Amino acid sequence: MSVGDRDKLMSDIATKAADEYYRKHENATDLEIKSFPETYLQHTIPYLTVRTLHRLEETLTRHETALKNLEGDSRRIKWFAIVTAFLTVVLVFLTIVLARYPLEELIHSLPK
């Protein structure tokens, strides 16, 4: 059984157990709970712990997915930076080459 399947199964079991516990004690009054708080805590804390861990796992999964997306974005940004630098060098070179001819004509046309 994979880890994901096992976690889903445990989450389902915790949900069923919590539902059943709630059905048995849904009519409990505040006085009953105050009289035997350890009984209610004994059954509710494991459920809350499983729920909290399950939500934490979902949050971590979302964060891992976001980090993977950022890694892909980082690669694209680096690639665009390299392409932009190359195009800038080509543009500077072409500007120098194209500016050279009018400057030579201008220099030769000046009186000596």
Protein backbone atom coordinates (compact mmCIF):
# COMPACT_ATOMS: atom_id res chain seq x y z
CA MET A 1 0.00 0.00 0.00
CA SER A 2 1.43 3.39 -0.94
CA VAL A 3 1.88 6.15 1.61
CA GLY A 4 -0.82 8.27 -0.02
CA ASP A 5 -3.32 5.39 0.03
CA ARG A 6 -2.48 4.60 3.65
CA ASP A 7 -2.91 8.24 4.68
CA LYS A 8 -6.25 8.47 2.87
CA LEU A 9 -7.44 5.24 4.52
CA MET A 10 -6.42 6.52 7.99
CA SER A 11 -8.13 9.84 7.31
CA ASP A 12 -11.31 8.03 6.27
CA ILE A 13 -11.19 5.85 9.41
CA ALA A 14 -10.70 8.94 11.60
CA THR A 15 -13.66 10.63 9.90
CA LYS A 16 -15.90 7.60 10.42
CA ALA A 17 -14.85 7.27 14.06
CA ALA A 18 -15.42 10.96 14.69
CA ASP A 19 -18.85 10.83 13.03
CA GLU A 20 -19.87 7.86 15.13
CA TYR A 21 -18.55 9.44 18.34
CA TYR A 22 -20.42 12.63 17.50
CA ARG A 23 -23.67 10.72 16.89
CA LYS A 24 -23.35 9.01 20.28
CA HIS A 25 -22.61 12.24 22.14
CA GLU A 26 -24.33 14.93 20.08
CA ASN A 27 -26.90 15.45 22.84
CA ALA A 28 -24.30 15.76 25.59
CA THR A 29 -24.96 18.74 27.77
CA ASP A 30 -22.35 21.11 29.09
CA LEU A 31 -22.90 19.65 32.54
CA GLU A 32 -22.07 16.11 31.33
CA ILE A 33 -18.95 17.35 29.55
CA LYS A 34 -17.85 19.30 32.62
CA SER A 35 -18.49 16.28 34.84
CA PHE A 36 -16.34 13.92 32.73
CA PRO A 37 -14.04 16.08 30.61
CA GLU A 38 -11.34 13.38 30.38
CA THR A 39 -13.77 11.03 28.63
CA TYR A 40 -14.59 13.60 25.96
CA LEU A 41 -10.97 14.67 25.56
CA GLN A 42 -9.84 11.06 25.28
CA HIS A 43 -12.00 10.64 22.17
CA THR A 44 -11.71 14.07 20.59
CA ILE A 45 -7.96 14.76 20.83
CA PRO A 46 -6.93 11.90 18.50
CA TYR A 47 -9.49 13.06 15.95
CA LEU A 48 -8.28 16.65 16.15
CA THR A 49 -4.66 15.48 15.91
CA VAL A 50 -5.35 13.41 12.79
CA ARG A 51 -7.25 16.31 11.23
CA THR A 52 -4.47 18.75 12.04
CA LEU A 53 -1.82 16.43 10.59
CA HIS A 54 -3.93 15.88 7.50
CA ARG A 55 -4.28 19.64 6.94
CA LEU A 56 -0.56 20.08 7.55
CA GLU A 57 0.18 17.43 4.94
CA GLU A 58 -2.09 19.19 2.42
CA THR A 59 -0.33 22.48 3.13
CA LEU A 60 3.10 20.90 2.68
CA THR A 61 2.00 19.33 -0.59
CA ARG A 62 0.85 22.73 -1.86
CA HIS A 63 4.16 24.29 -0.81
CA GLU A 64 6.16 21.55 -2.55
CA THR A 65 4.15 22.07 -5.73
CA ALA A 66 4.74 25.82 -5.55
CA LEU A 67 8.48 25.28 -5.11
CA LYS A 68 8.60 23.00 -8.16
CA ASN A 69 6.78 25.65 -10.18
CA LEU A 70 9.26 28.28 -9.00
CA GLU A 71 12.18 26.09 -10.07
CA GLY A 72 10.71 25.89 -13.57
CA ASP A 73 10.16 29.65 -13.62
CA SER A 74 13.73 30.18 -12.46
CA ARG A 75 15.07 28.15 -15.39
CA ARG A 76 12.98 30.15 -17.84
CA ILE A 77 14.12 33.44 -16.32
CA LYS A 78 17.78 32.38 -16.62
CA TRP A 79 17.25 31.34 -20.24
CA PHE A 80 15.57 34.66 -21.10
CA ALA A 81 18.39 36.55 -19.38
CA ILE A 82 21.01 34.74 -21.48
CA VAL A 83 19.07 35.34 -24.70
CA THR A 84 18.58 39.02 -23.80
CA ALA A 85 22.31 39.43 -23.08
CA PHE A 86 23.21 37.80 -26.41
CA LEU A 87 20.77 40.01 -28.34
CA THR A 88 22.14 43.08 -26.56
CA VAL A 89 25.71 42.20 -27.62
CA VAL A 90 24.54 41.69 -31.22
CA LEU A 91 22.69 45.02 -31.16
CA VAL A 92 25.76 46.87 -29.81
CA PHE A 93 27.95 45.25 -32.49
CA LEU A 94 25.53 46.17 -35.29
CA THR A 95 25.22 49.72 -33.97
CA ILE A 96 29.02 50.13 -34.03
CA VAL A 97 29.32 48.65 -37.52
CA LEU A 98 26.48 50.72 -38.95
CA ALA A 99 27.64 53.92 -37.26
CA ARG A 100 31.17 53.49 -38.61
CA TYR A 101 30.28 54.20 -42.26
CA PRO A 102 28.52 57.53 -41.73
CA LEU A 103 31.30 58.60 -39.35
CA GLU A 104 33.98 57.74 -41.95
CA GLU A 105 32.11 59.74 -44.59
CA LEU A 106 31.75 62.65 -42.22
CA ILE A 107 35.45 62.57 -41.33
CA HIS A 108 36.52 62.41 -45.01
CA SER A 109 34.22 65.27 -45.96
CA LEU A 110 35.74 67.63 -43.39
CA PRO A 111 38.22 70.14 -44.79
CA LYS A 112 41.78 69.51 -43.89
